[in-house]
């Protein structure tokens, strides 16, 4: 699995020494609409649960990928 998050480096003009800033570009990443996980406009409780569910699924996916990558 290739990392799809690209970093765009931007230079900022400042009156002091300023290193470049790396800004993530998520445009090529998988989309996970929270409505797919039960979010409903105006329902804070269901939306909170939906966000937590989406995060848990991605977290599990990333951990499985990392474990398989370590096995060779």
C-alpha atoms as a PDB file:
ATOM      1  CA  UNK A   1       0.000   0.000   0.000  1.00  0.00           C
ATOM      2  CA  UNK A   2       1.486   3.296  -1.052  1.00  0.00           C
ATOM      3  CA  UNK A   3       1.174   6.347   1.159  1.00  0.00           C
ATOM      4  CA  UNK A   4      -1.208   8.637  -0.703  1.00  0.00           C
ATOM      5  CA  UNK A   5      -0.705  11.671   1.529  1.00  0.00           C
ATOM      6  CA  UNK A   6       1.593  14.056  -0.259  1.00  0.00           C
ATOM      7  CA  UNK A   7       3.320  16.962   1.431  1.00  0.00           C
ATOM      8  CA  UNK A   8       3.433  20.319  -0.268  1.00  0.00           C
ATOM      9  CA  UNK A   9       6.274  22.490   0.914  1.00  0.00           C
ATOM     10  CA  UNK A  10       5.533  26.203   1.097  1.00  0.00           C
ATOM     11  CA  UNK A  11       7.878  29.057   1.820  1.00  0.00           C
ATOM     12  CA  UNK A  12       6.681  31.898   3.997  1.00  0.00           C
ATOM     13  CA  UNK A  13       8.124  35.368   3.916  1.00  0.00           C
ATOM     14  CA  UNK A  14       8.675  36.607   7.442  1.00  0.00           C
ATOM     15  CA  UNK A  15      10.802  39.261   9.106  1.00  0.00           C
ATOM     16  CA  UNK A  16      12.742  36.416  10.758  1.00  0.00           C
ATOM     17  CA  UNK A  17      14.246  33.084   9.705  1.00  0.00           C
ATOM     18  CA  UNK A  18      11.361  30.781   8.882  1.00  0.00           C
ATOM     19  CA  UNK A  19      11.706  27.168   7.744  1.00  0.00           C
ATOM     20  CA  UNK A  20       9.493  25.810   4.977  1.00  0.00           C
ATOM     21  CA  UNK A  21       6.100  24.504   6.096  1.00  0.00           C
ATOM     22  CA  UNK A  22       4.920  21.073   4.965  1.00  0.00           C
ATOM     23  CA  UNK A  23       1.187  21.047   4.301  1.00  0.00           C
ATOM     24  CA  UNK A  24      -0.508  17.658   3.819  1.00  0.00           C
ATOM     25  CA  UNK A  25      -2.529  17.102   0.644  1.00  0.00           C
ATOM     26  CA  UNK A  26      -5.244  14.497   1.277  1.00  0.00           C
ATOM     27  CA  UNK A  27      -6.806  14.764  -2.194  1.00  0.00           C
ATOM     28  CA  UNK A  28      -5.686  11.241  -3.208  1.00  0.00           C
ATOM     29  CA  UNK A  29      -6.762   9.571   0.044  1.00  0.00           C
ATOM     30  CA  UNK A  30      -9.779   7.376   0.514  1.00  0.00           C
ATOM     31  CA  UNK A  31     -12.927   9.332   1.368  1.00  0.00           C
ATOM     32  CA  UNK A  32     -14.973   8.209   4.340  1.00  0.00           C
ATOM     33  CA  UNK A  33     -18.218  10.186   4.538  1.00  0.00           C
ATOM     34  CA  UNK A  34     -19.381  10.062   8.134  1.00  0.00           C
ATOM     35  CA  UNK A  35     -22.952   9.689   6.889  1.00  0.00           C
ATOM     36  CA  UNK A  36     -21.902   6.169   5.826  1.00  0.00           C
ATOM     37  CA  UNK A  37     -21.325   5.463   9.518  1.00  0.00           C
ATOM     38  CA  UNK A  38     -24.613   6.861  10.836  1.00  0.00           C
ATOM     39  CA  UNK A  39     -24.033  10.602  11.112  1.00  0.00           C
ATOM     40  CA  UNK A  40     -27.222  12.629  10.883  1.00  0.00           C
ATOM     41  CA  UNK A  41     -27.300  16.391  10.489  1.00  0.00           C
ATOM     42  CA  UNK A  42     -28.461  17.967  13.731  1.00  0.00           C
ATOM     43  CA  UNK A  43     -27.939  14.795  15.800  1.00  0.00           C
ATOM     44  CA  UNK A  44     -24.744  15.413  17.732  1.00  0.00           C
ATOM     45  CA  UNK A  45     -24.759  12.027  19.478  1.00  0.00           C
ATOM     46  CA  UNK A  46     -25.122   9.954  16.297  1.00  0.00           C
ATOM     47  CA  UNK A  47     -22.573  12.109  14.505  1.00  0.00           C
ATOM     48  CA  UNK A  48     -20.058  11.725  17.343  1.00  0.00           C
ATOM     49  CA  UNK A  49     -20.482   7.939  17.231  1.00  0.00           C
ATOM     50  CA  UNK A  50     -20.147   7.958  13.424  1.00  0.00           C
ATOM     51  CA  UNK A  51     -16.879   9.902  13.572  1.00  0.00           C
ATOM     52  CA  UNK A  52     -15.499   7.557  16.220  1.00  0.00           C
ATOM     53  CA  UNK A  53     -16.512   4.535  14.129  1.00  0.00           C
ATOM     54  CA  UNK A  54     -14.815   5.864  10.988  1.00  0.00           C
ATOM     55  CA  UNK A  55     -11.628   6.624  12.944  1.00  0.00           C
ATOM     56  CA  UNK A  56     -11.637   3.150  14.525  1.00  0.00           C
ATOM     57  CA  UNK A  57     -11.977   1.462  11.129  1.00  0.00           C
ATOM     58  CA  UNK A  58      -9.100   3.449   9.614  1.00  0.00           C
ATOM     59  CA  UNK A  59      -6.968   2.891  12.720  1.00  0.00           C
ATOM     60  CA  UNK A  60      -7.541  -0.868  12.481  1.00  0.00           C
ATOM     61  CA  UNK A  61      -6.767  -0.814   8.738  1.00  0.00           C
ATOM     62  CA  UNK A  62      -3.504   1.082   9.276  1.00  0.00           C
ATOM     63  CA  UNK A  63      -2.439  -1.193  12.136  1.00  0.00           C
ATOM     64  CA  UNK A  64      -3.135  -4.307  10.035  1.00  0.00           C
ATOM     65  CA  UNK A  65      -1.114  -2.830   7.186  1.00  0.00           C
ATOM     66  CA  UNK A  66       1.812  -2.038   9.490  1.00  0.00           C
ATOM     67  CA  UNK A  67       1.780  -5.547  10.998  1.00  0.00           C
ATOM     68  CA  UNK A  68       1.726  -7.196   7.559  1.00  0.00           C
ATOM     69  CA  UNK A  69       4.470  -4.878   6.295  1.00  0.00           C
ATOM     70  CA  UNK A  70       6.724  -5.955   9.176  1.00  0.00           C
ATOM     71  CA  UNK A  71       6.267  -9.623   8.240  1.00  0.00           C
ATOM     72  CA  UNK A  72       7.861  -9.006   4.880  1.00  0.00           C
END
